[in-house]
Amino acid sequence: MLDAIRTVVVAAMIPGGYGVMIVAHSLIAGPQGTRKEVDRFIHGPGSYIGDIVNHQPRFRNNPTSLSPRRFNITGLSPNGALPQTRYFPRQRDFPTDQIEQAVKAGARAIVLGTYHGGYWPKESVKEMLPLIKKHRVLVILADPTPAGYVQESKFGFGVPAGDWDPFQLLSYLRYVLLFTNNKEDICMAIWSGVATAVIAIEPTTE
């Protein structure tokens, strides 16, 4: 309770403020996309604001102004499949041949669940880079921890996913890839702060 009161008081002194905030388990987050898992809150994409450190609020980001991104899928056949994506969790001895297997199975994008801030073991990076270049597969770096945030690519590969939850990002990417293969467009879609992909089905006219 004390943490929440201090957070509100400090936020009130910041020009523009932060609007509605959730303060729980040392996390400060906006409500958009934030969810509860078991006994803790997990911030949604674009809603990570900061942390509580020694009972003091530390604001790190301005909450993104979110608006749903709509995809018109009226032209998609009922039997048509969405583009495939794959997720690989962080692992010290990551078997890099899984990258090649995923691509051969049809994956057009791979999300790596990184260590804090986008770190991935250097030896594994050296083995992955030739495969990524060979297959020209899109790799996204996402931190799966509750307050995780990947701001930059540390090893010269991969698209930083900001504060996207890896599993939400997997689903979102399938719709993005349905409409574009352009890396810049995909990066823009990831960094646009959109929390959820809303499928827009336009009514047909006779």
N, C-alpha and C. Protein backbone atom coordinates (compact mmCIF):
# COMPACT_ATOMS: atom_id res chain seq x y z
N MET A 1 0.83 -1.20 0.00
CA MET A 1 0.00 0.00 0.00
C MET A 1 0.87 1.26 0.00
N LEU A 2 1.93 1.26 0.83
CA LEU A 2 2.83 2.41 0.90
C LEU A 2 3.51 2.65 -0.44
N ASP A 3 3.91 1.55 -1.11
CA ASP A 3 4.55 1.68 -2.43
C ASP A 3 3.60 2.34 -3.42
N ALA A 4 2.33 1.94 -3.38
CA ALA A 4 1.34 2.50 -4.31
C ALA A 4 1.12 3.99 -4.05
N ILE A 5 1.05 4.36 -2.77
CA ILE A 5 0.83 5.78 -2.42
C ILE A 5 2.01 6.63 -2.89
N ARG A 6 3.23 6.14 -2.64
CA ARG A 6 4.41 6.89 -3.07
C ARG A 6 4.45 7.02 -4.59
N THR A 7 4.06 5.95 -5.28
CA THR A 7 4.06 5.98 -6.75
C THR A 7 3.09 7.03 -7.27
N VAL A 8 1.90 7.07 -6.69
CA VAL A 8 0.89 8.05 -7.12
C VAL A 8 1.37 9.48 -6.86
N VAL A 9 1.98 9.70 -5.70
CA VAL A 9 2.45 11.05 -5.34
C VAL A 9 3.54 11.51 -6.30
N VAL A 10 4.52 10.63 -6.57
CA VAL A 10 5.61 11.00 -7.47
C VAL A 10 5.09 11.20 -8.89
N ALA A 11 4.20 10.31 -9.35
CA ALA A 11 3.66 10.40 -10.70
C ALA A 11 2.88 11.69 -10.90
N ALA A 12 2.22 12.15 -9.84
CA ALA A 12 1.42 13.38 -9.93
C ALA A 12 2.28 14.61 -10.19
N MET A 13 3.56 14.52 -9.87
CA MET A 13 4.46 15.66 -10.08
C MET A 13 5.11 15.64 -11.46
N ILE A 14 4.86 14.59 -12.23
CA ILE A 14 5.45 14.46 -13.57
C ILE A 14 4.49 15.06 -14.59
N PRO A 15 4.94 16.01 -15.42
CA PRO A 15 4.06 16.62 -16.42
C PRO A 15 3.43 15.56 -17.32
N GLY A 16 2.12 15.62 -17.47
CA GLY A 16 1.42 14.65 -18.30
C GLY A 16 0.97 13.43 -17.54
N GLY A 17 1.69 13.10 -16.46
CA GLY A 17 1.31 11.96 -15.64
C GLY A 17 1.38 10.64 -16.38
N TYR A 18 0.90 9.60 -15.72
CA TYR A 18 0.92 8.26 -16.30
C TYR A 18 -0.47 7.64 -16.40
N GLY A 19 -1.48 8.36 -15.94
CA GLY A 19 -2.82 7.80 -16.00
C GLY A 19 -3.00 6.66 -15.01
N VAL A 20 -3.82 5.69 -15.37
CA VAL A 20 -4.08 4.54 -14.50
C VAL A 20 -2.84 3.66 -14.42
N MET A 21 -2.47 3.28 -13.20
CA MET A 21 -1.29 2.43 -13.01
C MET A 21 -1.64 1.24 -12.12
N ILE A 22 -0.95 0.14 -12.36
CA ILE A 22 -1.03 -1.04 -11.49
C ILE A 22 0.31 -1.13 -10.76
N VAL A 23 0.28 -1.18 -9.44
CA VAL A 23 1.50 -1.31 -8.64
C VAL A 23 1.39 -2.60 -7.85
N ALA A 24 2.20 -3.58 -8.19
CA ALA A 24 2.15 -4.88 -7.50
C ALA A 24 3.45 -5.63 -7.73
N HIS A 25 3.93 -6.29 -6.69
CA HIS A 25 5.14 -7.12 -6.78
C HIS A 25 6.31 -6.34 -7.38
N SER A 26 6.50 -5.11 -6.92
CA SER A 26 7.61 -4.25 -7.35
C SER A 26 7.53 -3.85 -8.82
N LEU A 27 6.36 -4.03 -9.44
CA LEU A 27 6.16 -3.67 -10.84
C LEU A 27 5.19 -2.49 -10.92
N ILE A 28 5.50 -1.54 -11.80
CA ILE A 28 4.58 -0.45 -12.12
C ILE A 28 4.21 -0.61 -13.59
N ALA A 29 2.92 -0.76 -13.87
CA ALA A 29 2.49 -1.00 -15.25
C ALA A 29 1.17 -0.32 -15.53
N GLY A 30 0.94 -0.03 -16.80
CA GLY A 30 -0.35 0.45 -17.23
C GLY A 30 -1.30 -0.73 -17.37
N PRO A 31 -2.60 -0.50 -17.48
CA PRO A 31 -3.56 -1.60 -17.52
C PRO A 31 -3.63 -2.33 -18.85
N GLN A 32 -3.22 -1.68 -19.95
CA GLN A 32 -3.39 -2.26 -21.27
C GLN A 32 -2.57 -3.54 -21.44
N GLY A 33 -3.25 -4.65 -21.60
CA GLY A 33 -2.57 -5.92 -21.83
C GLY A 33 -1.98 -6.57 -20.60
N THR A 34 -1.99 -5.89 -19.46
CA THR A 34 -1.44 -6.46 -18.23
C THR A 34 -2.38 -7.53 -17.70
N ARG A 35 -1.81 -8.65 -17.28
CA ARG A 35 -2.64 -9.78 -16.85
C ARG A 35 -2.06 -10.39 -15.58
N LYS A 36 -2.88 -11.18 -14.90
CA LYS A 36 -2.42 -11.86 -13.70
C LYS A 36 -2.15 -13.32 -14.01
N GLU A 37 -0.98 -13.79 -13.62
CA GLU A 37 -0.61 -15.19 -13.77
C GLU A 37 -0.25 -15.74 -12.40
N VAL A 38 -1.04 -16.70 -11.94
CA VAL A 38 -0.85 -17.31 -10.62
C VAL A 38 -0.92 -16.22 -9.56
N ASP A 39 0.22 -15.80 -9.00
CA ASP A 39 0.18 -14.84 -7.89
C ASP A 39 0.87 -13.52 -8.22
N ARG A 40 1.08 -13.23 -9.51
CA ARG A 40 1.75 -11.98 -9.85
C ARG A 40 1.19 -11.41 -11.14
N PHE A 41 1.42 -10.11 -11.34
CA PHE A 41 0.98 -9.44 -12.56
C PHE A 41 2.11 -9.43 -13.59
N ILE A 42 1.74 -9.65 -14.85
CA ILE A 42 2.67 -9.60 -15.97
C ILE A 42 2.26 -8.43 -16.85
N HIS A 43 3.16 -7.47 -17.07
CA HIS A 43 2.79 -6.30 -17.86
C HIS A 43 2.54 -6.67 -19.31
N GLY A 44 1.67 -5.93 -19.95
CA GLY A 44 1.40 -6.14 -21.36
C GLY A 44 2.35 -5.32 -22.23
N PRO A 45 2.42 -5.62 -23.54
CA PRO A 45 3.28 -4.86 -24.43
C PRO A 45 2.93 -3.38 -24.41
N GLY A 46 3.92 -2.54 -24.24
CA GLY A 46 3.69 -1.11 -24.22
C GLY A 46 3.21 -0.57 -22.89
N SER A 47 3.05 -1.43 -21.88
CA SER A 47 2.49 -0.95 -20.61
C SER A 47 3.48 -0.96 -19.44
N TYR A 48 4.72 -1.40 -19.70
CA TYR A 48 5.73 -1.38 -18.63
C TYR A 48 6.14 0.06 -18.34
N ILE A 49 5.98 0.49 -17.10
CA ILE A 49 6.30 1.87 -16.71
C ILE A 49 7.56 1.93 -15.86
N GLY A 50 7.71 1.00 -14.92
CA GLY A 50 8.90 1.04 -14.07
C GLY A 50 8.84 0.01 -12.96
N ASP A 51 9.65 0.23 -11.93
CA ASP A 51 9.77 -0.73 -10.84
C ASP A 51 9.77 0.00 -9.50
N ILE A 52 9.53 -0.77 -8.45
CA ILE A 52 9.69 -0.26 -7.09
C ILE A 52 11.03 -0.76 -6.58
N VAL A 53 11.92 0.17 -6.24
CA VAL A 53 13.25 -0.18 -5.74
C VAL A 53 13.41 0.45 -4.35
N ASN A 54 13.60 -0.41 -3.35
CA ASN A 54 13.70 0.07 -1.96
C ASN A 54 12.52 0.96 -1.58
N HIS A 55 11.34 0.51 -2.00
CA HIS A 55 10.08 1.19 -1.70
C HIS A 55 9.95 2.57 -2.36
N GLN A 56 10.77 2.82 -3.38
CA GLN A 56 10.68 4.07 -4.13
C GLN A 56 10.39 3.76 -5.59
N PRO A 57 9.46 4.51 -6.23
CA PRO A 57 9.17 4.26 -7.64
C PRO A 57 10.30 4.71 -8.55
N ARG A 58 10.65 3.89 -9.52
CA ARG A 58 11.65 4.23 -10.52
C ARG A 58 10.97 4.14 -11.88
N PHE A 59 10.60 5.27 -12.44
CA PHE A 59 9.92 5.29 -13.73
C PHE A 59 10.94 5.16 -14.85
N ARG A 60 10.71 4.20 -15.73
CA ARG A 60 11.67 3.92 -16.80
C ARG A 60 11.11 4.21 -18.19
N ASN A 61 9.82 4.11 -18.35
CA ASN A 61 9.21 4.31 -19.67
C ASN A 61 7.92 5.09 -19.55
N ASN A 62 7.60 5.82 -20.59
CA ASN A 62 6.28 6.40 -20.70
C ASN A 62 5.36 5.34 -21.27
N PRO A 63 4.19 5.12 -20.68
CA PRO A 63 3.29 4.11 -21.23
C PRO A 63 2.86 4.50 -22.64
N THR A 64 2.86 3.52 -23.54
CA THR A 64 2.53 3.78 -24.93
C THR A 64 1.03 4.02 -25.09
N SER A 65 0.70 4.96 -25.94
CA SER A 65 -0.71 5.16 -26.28
C SER A 65 -1.10 4.10 -27.28
N LEU A 66 -1.90 3.14 -26.85
CA LEU A 66 -2.18 1.97 -27.67
C LEU A 66 -3.48 2.11 -28.44
N SER A 67 -3.44 1.67 -29.66
CA SER A 67 -4.67 1.55 -30.44
C SER A 67 -4.61 0.23 -31.18
N PRO A 68 -5.69 -0.52 -31.21
CA PRO A 68 -5.66 -1.85 -31.83
C PRO A 68 -5.31 -1.78 -33.31
N ARG A 69 -4.54 -2.72 -33.76
CA ARG A 69 -4.21 -2.84 -35.18
C ARG A 69 -5.17 -3.85 -35.78
N ARG A 70 -5.80 -3.49 -36.88
CA ARG A 70 -6.82 -4.36 -37.46
C ARG A 70 -6.32 -4.99 -38.75
N PHE A 71 -6.64 -6.25 -38.91
CA PHE A 71 -6.25 -6.98 -40.11
C PHE A 71 -7.52 -7.45 -40.82
N ASN A 72 -7.63 -7.15 -42.08
CA ASN A 72 -8.78 -7.60 -42.86
C ASN A 72 -8.45 -8.96 -43.46
N ILE A 73 -9.10 -9.99 -42.99
CA ILE A 73 -8.79 -11.35 -43.44
C ILE A 73 -9.92 -11.93 -44.28
N THR A 74 -10.74 -11.05 -44.88
CA THR A 74 -11.86 -11.56 -45.67
C THR A 74 -11.38 -12.38 -46.87
N GLY A 75 -10.18 -12.07 -47.36
CA GLY A 75 -9.68 -12.80 -48.51
C GLY A 75 -9.01 -14.12 -48.16
N LEU A 76 -8.91 -14.42 -46.88
CA LEU A 76 -8.24 -15.65 -46.44
C LEU A 76 -9.21 -16.82 -46.49
N SER A 77 -8.80 -17.89 -47.13
CA SER A 77 -9.65 -19.08 -47.22
C SER A 77 -9.87 -19.68 -45.84
N PRO A 78 -11.08 -20.20 -45.57
CA PRO A 78 -11.33 -20.85 -44.27
C PRO A 78 -10.34 -21.98 -43.99
N ASN A 79 -9.82 -22.58 -45.06
CA ASN A 79 -8.87 -23.67 -44.90
C ASN A 79 -7.42 -23.19 -45.00
N GLY A 80 -7.27 -21.89 -45.18
CA GLY A 80 -5.92 -21.35 -45.31
C GLY A 80 -5.20 -21.29 -43.97
N ALA A 81 -3.91 -21.53 -44.00
CA ALA A 81 -3.12 -21.51 -42.77
C ALA A 81 -2.40 -20.18 -42.62
N LEU A 82 -2.30 -19.72 -41.40
CA LEU A 82 -1.51 -18.51 -41.12
C LEU A 82 -0.03 -18.85 -41.16
N PRO A 83 0.83 -17.88 -41.44
CA PRO A 83 2.27 -18.13 -41.42
C PRO A 83 2.72 -18.70 -40.08
N GLN A 84 3.70 -19.58 -40.14
CA GLN A 84 4.17 -20.24 -38.92
C GLN A 84 5.25 -19.41 -38.23
N THR A 85 5.22 -19.44 -36.91
CA THR A 85 6.26 -18.83 -36.09
C THR A 85 6.69 -19.85 -35.04
N ARG A 86 7.91 -19.71 -34.55
CA ARG A 86 8.41 -20.63 -33.53
C ARG A 86 9.04 -19.86 -32.38
N TYR A 87 8.91 -20.43 -31.19
CA TYR A 87 9.51 -19.83 -29.99
C TYR A 87 10.53 -20.79 -29.40
N PHE A 88 11.71 -20.26 -29.08
CA PHE A 88 12.73 -21.05 -28.40
C PHE A 88 13.11 -20.34 -27.10
N PRO A 89 12.94 -21.01 -25.96
CA PRO A 89 13.29 -20.38 -24.68
C PRO A 89 14.80 -20.31 -24.50
N ARG A 90 15.22 -19.43 -23.62
CA ARG A 90 16.65 -19.26 -23.35
C ARG A 90 17.24 -20.55 -22.81
N GLN A 91 18.45 -20.83 -23.24
CA GLN A 91 19.09 -22.09 -22.88
C GLN A 91 20.60 -21.93 -23.09
N ARG A 92 21.38 -22.27 -22.09
CA ARG A 92 22.84 -22.11 -22.19
C ARG A 92 23.43 -22.93 -23.33
N ASP A 93 23.00 -24.17 -23.45
CA ASP A 93 23.52 -25.04 -24.50
C ASP A 93 22.45 -25.22 -25.57
N PHE A 94 22.00 -24.12 -26.15
CA PHE A 94 20.93 -24.16 -27.14
C PHE A 94 21.38 -24.92 -28.38
N PRO A 95 20.64 -25.97 -28.78
CA PRO A 95 20.99 -26.72 -29.99
C PRO A 95 20.61 -25.91 -31.23
N THR A 96 21.58 -25.26 -31.85
CA THR A 96 21.29 -24.33 -32.94
C THR A 96 20.69 -25.00 -34.17
N ASP A 97 20.82 -26.32 -34.28
CA ASP A 97 20.21 -27.00 -35.42
C ASP A 97 18.68 -26.88 -35.39
N GLN A 98 18.13 -26.50 -34.23
CA GLN A 98 16.69 -26.32 -34.14
C GLN A 98 16.23 -25.14 -35.00
N ILE A 99 17.11 -24.18 -35.23
CA ILE A 99 16.79 -23.06 -36.11
C ILE A 99 16.53 -23.58 -37.52
N GLU A 100 17.45 -24.42 -38.00
CA GLU A 100 17.30 -24.98 -39.35
C GLU A 100 16.07 -25.86 -39.45
N GLN A 101 15.82 -26.66 -38.42
CA GLN A 101 14.64 -27.52 -38.42
C GLN A 101 13.36 -26.71 -38.46
N ALA A 102 13.33 -25.60 -37.71
CA ALA A 102 12.14 -24.75 -37.68
C ALA A 102 11.88 -24.14 -39.05
N VAL A 103 12.94 -23.68 -39.71
CA VAL A 103 12.79 -23.07 -41.04
C VAL A 103 12.31 -24.10 -42.05
N LYS A 104 12.88 -25.29 -41.99
CA LYS A 104 12.46 -26.35 -42.92
C LYS A 104 11.01 -26.76 -42.69
N ALA A 105 10.55 -26.59 -41.45
CA ALA A 105 9.16 -26.92 -41.12
C ALA A 105 8.20 -25.79 -41.51
N GLY A 106 8.76 -24.67 -42.00
CA GLY A 106 7.91 -23.60 -42.49
C GLY A 106 7.87 -22.33 -41.67
N ALA A 107 8.67 -22.24 -40.61
CA ALA A 107 8.66 -21.04 -39.77
C ALA A 107 9.23 -19.84 -40.53
N ARG A 108 8.49 -18.75 -40.52
CA ARG A 108 8.95 -17.53 -41.18
C ARG A 108 9.52 -16.52 -40.19
N ALA A 109 9.27 -16.76 -38.92
CA ALA A 109 9.84 -15.90 -37.88
C ALA A 109 10.11 -16.74 -36.65
N ILE A 110 11.20 -16.42 -35.96
CA ILE A 110 11.59 -17.14 -34.75
C ILE A 110 11.74 -16.13 -33.61
N VAL A 111 11.08 -16.42 -32.50
CA VAL A 111 11.19 -15.57 -31.32
C VAL A 111 12.09 -16.27 -30.31
N LEU A 112 13.15 -15.61 -29.90
CA LEU A 112 14.06 -16.17 -28.90
C LEU A 112 13.76 -15.54 -27.54
N GLY A 113 13.49 -16.37 -26.55
CA GLY A 113 13.28 -15.88 -25.19
C GLY A 113 14.62 -15.64 -24.54
N THR A 114 15.08 -14.41 -24.54
CA THR A 114 16.45 -14.09 -24.13
C THR A 114 16.61 -14.02 -22.62
N TYR A 115 17.86 -13.89 -22.21
CA TYR A 115 18.16 -13.55 -20.83
C TYR A 115 17.92 -12.05 -20.65
N HIS A 116 18.19 -11.53 -19.48
CA HIS A 116 17.84 -10.15 -19.13
C HIS A 116 18.33 -9.13 -20.17
N GLY A 117 17.40 -8.34 -20.67
CA GLY A 117 17.75 -7.25 -21.57
C GLY A 117 18.13 -7.66 -22.98
N GLY A 118 17.92 -8.91 -23.34
CA GLY A 118 18.21 -9.35 -24.70
C GLY A 118 19.50 -10.14 -24.84
N TYR A 119 20.10 -10.54 -23.72
CA TYR A 119 21.37 -11.29 -23.79
C TYR A 119 21.13 -12.72 -24.27
N TRP A 120 22.05 -13.21 -25.10
CA TRP A 120 22.05 -14.60 -25.55
C TRP A 120 23.50 -15.07 -25.55
N PRO A 121 23.78 -16.31 -25.09
CA PRO A 121 25.17 -16.78 -24.99
C PRO A 121 25.96 -16.59 -26.29
N LYS A 122 27.17 -16.03 -26.19
CA LYS A 122 27.96 -15.67 -27.36
C LYS A 122 28.30 -16.86 -28.24
N GLU A 123 28.64 -18.00 -27.63
CA GLU A 123 29.00 -19.17 -28.43
C GLU A 123 27.83 -19.63 -29.28
N SER A 124 26.64 -19.56 -28.69
CA SER A 124 25.44 -19.94 -29.43
C SER A 124 25.17 -18.97 -30.57
N VAL A 125 25.44 -17.68 -30.33
CA VAL A 125 25.25 -16.66 -31.36
C VAL A 125 26.13 -16.95 -32.57
N LYS A 126 27.40 -17.32 -32.31
CA LYS A 126 28.34 -17.62 -33.40
C LYS A 126 27.83 -18.76 -34.27
N GLU A 127 27.17 -19.74 -33.65
CA GLU A 127 26.67 -20.88 -34.41
C GLU A 127 25.37 -20.54 -35.13
N MET A 128 24.58 -19.65 -34.54
CA MET A 128 23.29 -19.31 -35.14
C MET A 128 23.40 -18.37 -36.33
N LEU A 129 24.35 -17.43 -36.27
CA LEU A 129 24.43 -16.40 -37.30
C LEU A 129 24.49 -16.94 -38.72
N PRO A 130 25.34 -17.95 -39.02
CA PRO A 130 25.37 -18.47 -40.39
C PRO A 130 24.02 -19.05 -40.82
N LEU A 131 23.31 -19.70 -39.90
CA LEU A 131 22.02 -20.28 -40.24
C LEU A 131 20.98 -19.19 -40.50
N ILE A 132 21.01 -18.14 -39.69
CA ILE A 132 20.06 -17.04 -39.86
C ILE A 132 20.28 -16.36 -41.21
N LYS A 133 21.57 -16.14 -41.57
CA LYS A 133 21.88 -15.49 -42.84
C LYS A 133 21.55 -16.41 -44.02
N LYS A 134 21.82 -17.69 -43.85
CA LYS A 134 21.57 -18.65 -44.92
C LYS A 134 20.09 -18.71 -45.27
N HIS A 135 19.24 -18.77 -44.26
CA HIS A 135 17.80 -18.93 -44.50
C HIS A 135 17.05 -17.60 -44.52
N ARG A 136 17.75 -16.51 -44.17
CA ARG A 136 17.13 -15.18 -44.15
C ARG A 136 15.85 -15.18 -43.32
N VAL A 137 15.91 -15.86 -42.21
CA VAL A 137 14.75 -15.94 -41.32
C VAL A 137 14.76 -14.76 -40.35
N LEU A 138 13.59 -14.24 -40.06
CA LEU A 138 13.47 -13.13 -39.13
C LEU A 138 13.56 -13.65 -37.70
N VAL A 139 14.43 -13.06 -36.90
CA VAL A 139 14.60 -13.45 -35.50
C VAL A 139 14.26 -12.26 -34.62
N ILE A 140 13.40 -12.49 -33.63
CA ILE A 140 13.00 -11.44 -32.70
C ILE A 140 13.47 -11.80 -31.31
N LEU A 141 14.05 -10.85 -30.60
CA LEU A 141 14.58 -11.07 -29.26
C LEU A 141 13.60 -10.52 -28.23
N ALA A 142 13.06 -11.39 -27.39
CA ALA A 142 12.08 -10.98 -26.39
C ALA A 142 12.46 -11.54 -25.02
N ASP A 143 12.35 -10.71 -24.01
CA ASP A 143 12.67 -11.12 -22.63
C ASP A 143 11.39 -11.64 -21.97
N PRO A 144 11.35 -12.93 -21.57
CA PRO A 144 10.13 -13.51 -21.01
C PRO A 144 9.86 -13.17 -19.55
N THR A 145 10.79 -12.47 -18.88
CA THR A 145 10.58 -12.17 -17.47
C THR A 145 9.52 -11.08 -17.30
N PRO A 146 8.86 -11.02 -16.14
CA PRO A 146 7.74 -10.09 -15.94
C PRO A 146 8.04 -8.63 -16.28
N ALA A 147 9.21 -8.15 -15.92
CA ALA A 147 9.56 -6.75 -16.22
C ALA A 147 10.61 -6.68 -17.32
N GLY A 148 10.65 -7.72 -18.16
CA GLY A 148 11.67 -7.79 -19.19
C GLY A 148 11.50 -6.72 -20.26
N TYR A 149 12.63 -6.26 -20.79
CA TYR A 149 12.60 -5.23 -21.83
C TYR A 149 13.85 -5.38 -22.69
N VAL A 150 13.66 -5.56 -23.99
CA VAL A 150 14.79 -5.66 -24.92
C VAL A 150 14.78 -4.41 -25.80
N GLN A 151 15.74 -3.54 -25.58
CA GLN A 151 15.78 -2.26 -26.29
C GLN A 151 16.67 -2.30 -27.51
N GLU A 152 17.67 -3.17 -27.50
CA GLU A 152 18.59 -3.20 -28.63
C GLU A 152 19.12 -4.61 -28.84
N SER A 153 19.58 -4.85 -30.07
CA SER A 153 20.22 -6.12 -30.39
C SER A 153 21.68 -6.02 -29.99
N LYS A 154 22.12 -6.91 -29.12
CA LYS A 154 23.47 -6.82 -28.57
C LYS A 154 24.52 -7.53 -29.40
N PHE A 155 24.10 -8.39 -30.34
CA PHE A 155 25.08 -9.20 -31.06
C PHE A 155 24.97 -9.08 -32.57
N GLY A 156 24.34 -8.02 -33.05
CA GLY A 156 24.29 -7.80 -34.48
C GLY A 156 23.26 -8.63 -35.22
N PHE A 157 22.34 -9.22 -34.51
CA PHE A 157 21.27 -9.94 -35.19
C PHE A 157 20.01 -9.85 -34.34
N GLY A 158 18.89 -10.01 -35.00
CA GLY A 158 17.62 -10.04 -34.27
C GLY A 158 17.00 -8.67 -34.10
N VAL A 159 15.69 -8.67 -34.00
CA VAL A 159 14.91 -7.45 -33.81
C VAL A 159 14.53 -7.35 -32.33
N PRO A 160 14.89 -6.29 -31.63
CA PRO A 160 14.50 -6.16 -30.22
C PRO A 160 12.99 -5.98 -30.11
N ALA A 161 12.38 -6.67 -29.15
CA ALA A 161 10.92 -6.69 -29.04
C ALA A 161 10.38 -5.77 -27.96
N GLY A 162 11.24 -4.91 -27.40
CA GLY A 162 10.73 -4.03 -26.35
C GLY A 162 10.22 -4.84 -25.17
N ASP A 163 9.00 -4.55 -24.73
CA ASP A 163 8.46 -5.29 -23.58
C ASP A 163 7.37 -6.28 -23.99
N TRP A 164 7.40 -6.70 -25.25
CA TRP A 164 6.43 -7.71 -25.70
C TRP A 164 6.61 -9.02 -24.94
N ASP A 165 5.51 -9.62 -24.56
CA ASP A 165 5.52 -10.98 -24.04
C ASP A 165 5.76 -11.91 -25.23
N PRO A 166 6.71 -12.85 -25.15
CA PRO A 166 7.04 -13.69 -26.30
C PRO A 166 5.85 -14.45 -26.88
N PHE A 167 4.96 -14.93 -26.03
CA PHE A 167 3.86 -15.75 -26.53
C PHE A 167 2.77 -14.89 -27.18
N GLN A 168 2.55 -13.68 -26.67
CA GLN A 168 1.63 -12.77 -27.34
C GLN A 168 2.22 -12.35 -28.69
N LEU A 169 3.53 -12.15 -28.71
CA LEU A 169 4.20 -11.74 -29.93
C LEU A 169 4.11 -12.82 -31.01
N LEU A 170 4.21 -14.08 -30.62
CA LEU A 170 4.11 -15.19 -31.58
C LEU A 170 2.81 -15.12 -32.36
N SER A 171 1.71 -14.94 -31.64
CA SER A 171 0.40 -14.89 -32.29
C SER A 171 0.27 -13.64 -33.16
N TYR A 172 0.73 -12.52 -32.64
CA TYR A 172 0.63 -11.26 -33.37
C TYR A 172 1.41 -11.33 -34.68
N LEU A 173 2.60 -11.91 -34.64
CA LEU A 173 3.45 -11.99 -35.83
C LEU A 173 2.81 -12.79 -36.95
N ARG A 174 2.00 -13.77 -36.61
CA ARG A 174 1.37 -14.60 -37.65
C ARG A 174 0.47 -13.75 -38.55
N TYR A 175 -0.17 -12.76 -37.96
CA TYR A 175 -1.03 -11.88 -38.75
C TYR A 175 -0.22 -10.81 -39.48
N VAL A 176 0.84 -10.33 -38.84
CA VAL A 176 1.70 -9.35 -39.51
C VAL A 176 2.33 -9.98 -40.75
N LEU A 177 2.83 -11.20 -40.62
CA LEU A 177 3.49 -11.90 -41.73
C LEU A 177 2.52 -12.28 -42.84
N LEU A 178 1.25 -12.28 -42.52
CA LEU A 178 0.24 -12.59 -43.54
C LEU A 178 0.19 -11.48 -44.58
N PHE A 179 0.59 -10.26 -44.17
CA PHE A 179 0.47 -9.12 -45.06
C PHE A 179 1.80 -8.53 -45.52
N THR A 180 2.89 -8.88 -44.87
CA THR A 180 4.17 -8.30 -45.29
C THR A 180 5.34 -9.21 -44.94
N ASN A 181 6.37 -9.16 -45.81
CA ASN A 181 7.63 -9.83 -45.54
C ASN A 181 8.75 -8.81 -45.32
N ASN A 182 8.39 -7.54 -45.45
CA ASN A 182 9.37 -6.47 -45.34
C ASN A 182 9.82 -6.30 -43.89
N LYS A 183 11.13 -6.41 -43.66
CA LYS A 183 11.65 -6.36 -42.29
C LYS A 183 11.34 -5.03 -41.62
N GLU A 184 11.45 -3.94 -42.36
CA GLU A 184 11.18 -2.63 -41.76
C GLU A 184 9.72 -2.51 -41.33
N ASP A 185 8.81 -3.03 -42.16
CA ASP A 185 7.39 -3.00 -41.81
C ASP A 185 7.11 -3.84 -40.58
N ILE A 186 7.77 -4.99 -40.50
CA ILE A 186 7.57 -5.89 -39.36
C ILE A 186 8.12 -5.24 -38.08
N CYS A 187 9.29 -4.62 -38.20
CA CYS A 187 9.86 -3.91 -37.04
C CYS A 187 8.93 -2.80 -36.57
N MET A 188 8.37 -2.07 -37.53
CA MET A 188 7.44 -1.00 -37.19
C MET A 188 6.21 -1.54 -36.48
N ALA A 189 5.73 -2.70 -36.95
CA ALA A 189 4.55 -3.32 -36.33
C ALA A 189 4.85 -3.75 -34.90
N ILE A 190 6.06 -4.25 -34.66
CA ILE A 190 6.44 -4.68 -33.32
C ILE A 190 6.58 -3.48 -32.39
N TRP A 191 7.19 -2.42 -32.90
CA TRP A 191 7.48 -1.25 -32.06
C TRP A 191 6.38 -0.20 -32.05
N SER A 192 5.26 -0.52 -32.69
CA SER A 192 4.17 0.46 -32.74
C SER A 192 3.41 0.54 -31.43
N GLY A 193 3.71 -0.38 -30.49
CA GLY A 193 3.03 -0.35 -29.20
C GLY A 193 1.67 -1.00 -29.21
N VAL A 194 1.37 -1.76 -30.26
CA VAL A 194 0.07 -2.42 -30.34
C VAL A 194 0.06 -3.63 -29.43
N ALA A 195 -0.92 -3.71 -28.56
CA ALA A 195 -0.96 -4.78 -27.57
C ALA A 195 -1.58 -6.05 -28.12
N THR A 196 -2.58 -5.90 -28.95
CA THR A 196 -3.25 -7.09 -29.43
C THR A 196 -3.62 -6.96 -30.89
N ALA A 197 -3.55 -8.04 -31.60
CA ALA A 197 -3.98 -8.02 -32.99
C ALA A 197 -5.49 -8.24 -33.03
N VAL A 198 -6.22 -7.29 -33.52
CA VAL A 198 -7.67 -7.42 -33.63
C VAL A 198 -8.00 -7.76 -35.06
N ILE A 199 -8.70 -8.86 -35.25
CA ILE A 199 -9.00 -9.31 -36.60
C ILE A 199 -10.27 -8.63 -37.09
N ALA A 200 -10.15 -7.85 -38.14
CA ALA A 200 -11.30 -7.13 -38.67
C ALA A 200 -11.85 -7.89 -39.86
N ILE A 201 -13.08 -8.35 -39.75
CA ILE A 201 -13.74 -9.04 -40.85
C ILE A 201 -14.81 -8.09 -41.39
N GLU A 202 -14.56 -7.56 -42.56
CA GLU A 202 -15.48 -6.59 -43.13
C GLU A 202 -16.70 -7.31 -43.70
N PRO A 203 -17.91 -6.76 -43.50
CA PRO A 203 -19.10 -7.38 -44.07
C PRO A 203 -19.07 -7.27 -45.59
N THR A 204 -19.47 -8.32 -46.26
CA THR A 204 -19.48 -8.31 -47.71
C THR A 204 -20.80 -7.73 -48.20
N THR A 205 -20.75 -7.07 -49.33
CA THR A 205 -21.97 -6.49 -49.91
C THR A 205 -22.36 -7.27 -51.15
N GLU A 206 -23.62 -7.49 -51.31
CA GLU A 206 -24.11 -8.22 -52.47
C GLU A 206 -24.09 -7.30 -53.69
